[in-house]
Amino acid sequence: MNITSHCARIIGPVPYPADAELKQNIPIGPCLVESIDGRLINIVWGTHGQNSVALPVEEIAAAHNHGNLVLLD
């Protein structure tokens, strides 16, 4: 398995499913973006990296295109 990681920053709303019917936004601030398998991107955040969510590439690309997710490297 090939994993590619990037340092990034959330600067606007990036929603993720919190449960079956509720969506939450990844908190504004630093995060790690990891490409897992070409279809999913894992976003890791929190002081100790204690939170993460895997989202489809299309959702991450939309957040990046809207300026809500900025890659730092």
Protein backbone atom coordinates (compact mmCIF):
# COMPACT_ATOMS: atom_id res chain seq x y z
CA MET A 1 0.00 0.00 0.00
CA ASN A 2 1.35 3.41 -1.01
CA ILE A 3 0.47 6.31 1.35
CA THR A 4 1.26 9.92 0.43
CA SER A 5 1.05 12.54 3.22
CA HIS A 6 0.82 16.34 3.09
CA CYS A 7 0.66 19.02 5.77
CA ALA A 8 -2.46 21.14 5.28
CA ARG A 9 -4.76 23.65 6.93
CA ILE A 10 -8.54 23.75 7.08
CA ILE A 11 -9.64 27.38 6.65
CA GLY A 12 -13.32 26.91 5.82
CA PRO A 13 -16.09 24.34 6.13
CA VAL A 14 -15.14 20.78 5.18
CA PRO A 15 -18.10 18.57 6.14
CA TYR A 16 -17.92 14.91 7.08
CA PRO A 17 -20.60 12.43 8.17
CA ALA A 18 -20.69 12.27 11.98
CA ASP A 19 -23.42 9.61 12.00
CA ALA A 20 -26.19 8.33 9.76
CA GLU A 21 -27.99 11.67 9.41
CA LEU A 22 -25.71 14.34 10.89
CA LYS A 23 -22.77 16.11 9.27
CA GLN A 24 -20.11 18.07 11.11
CA ASN A 25 -17.24 20.22 9.86
CA ILE A 26 -13.59 19.39 10.40
CA PRO A 27 -12.35 22.10 12.79
CA ILE A 28 -10.40 25.03 11.34
CA GLY A 29 -6.68 24.55 11.87
CA PRO A 30 -3.78 22.31 10.91
CA CYS A 31 -4.29 18.79 9.63
CA LEU A 32 -2.53 15.97 7.85
CA VAL A 33 -3.85 14.80 4.47
CA GLU A 34 -3.06 11.19 3.53
CA SER A 35 -3.89 9.61 0.20
CA ILE A 36 -4.77 6.03 1.05
CA ASP A 37 -5.67 4.17 -2.12
CA GLY A 38 -6.37 6.76 -4.79
CA ARG A 39 -10.11 6.85 -4.01
CA LEU A 40 -10.08 7.96 -0.38
CA ILE A 41 -8.23 10.74 1.43
CA ASN A 42 -7.71 10.49 5.18
CA ILE A 43 -7.81 13.82 7.06
CA VAL A 44 -6.17 13.70 10.52
CA TRP A 45 -6.58 16.54 13.00
CA GLY A 46 -6.40 17.34 16.71
CA THR A 47 -3.60 18.24 19.09
CA HIS A 48 -2.36 14.65 19.11
CA GLY A 49 -3.84 13.50 15.79
CA GLN A 50 -6.66 11.85 17.69
CA ASN A 51 -9.37 12.55 15.09
CA SER A 52 -9.60 11.37 11.51
CA VAL A 53 -12.04 10.76 8.70
CA ALA A 54 -11.68 9.16 5.27
CA LEU A 55 -13.45 11.09 2.51
CA PRO A 56 -13.74 10.50 -1.24
CA VAL A 57 -11.15 12.27 -3.40
CA GLU A 58 -13.93 14.30 -5.05
CA GLU A 59 -14.99 15.87 -1.72
CA ILE A 60 -11.40 16.80 -0.83
CA ALA A 61 -10.83 18.24 -4.32
CA ALA A 62 -14.00 20.36 -3.95
CA ALA A 63 -12.84 21.67 -0.55
CA HIS A 64 -9.43 22.50 -2.05
CA ASN A 65 -10.98 24.20 -5.11
CA HIS A 66 -13.24 26.32 -2.86
CA GLY A 67 -10.23 27.38 -0.76
CA ASN A 68 -11.42 25.59 2.38
CA LEU A 69 -8.45 23.19 2.42
CA VAL A 70 -4.96 24.48 1.70
CA LEU A 71 -1.99 22.16 1.17
CA LEU A 72 1.13 23.59 2.81
CA ASP A 73 3.76 21.44 1.07
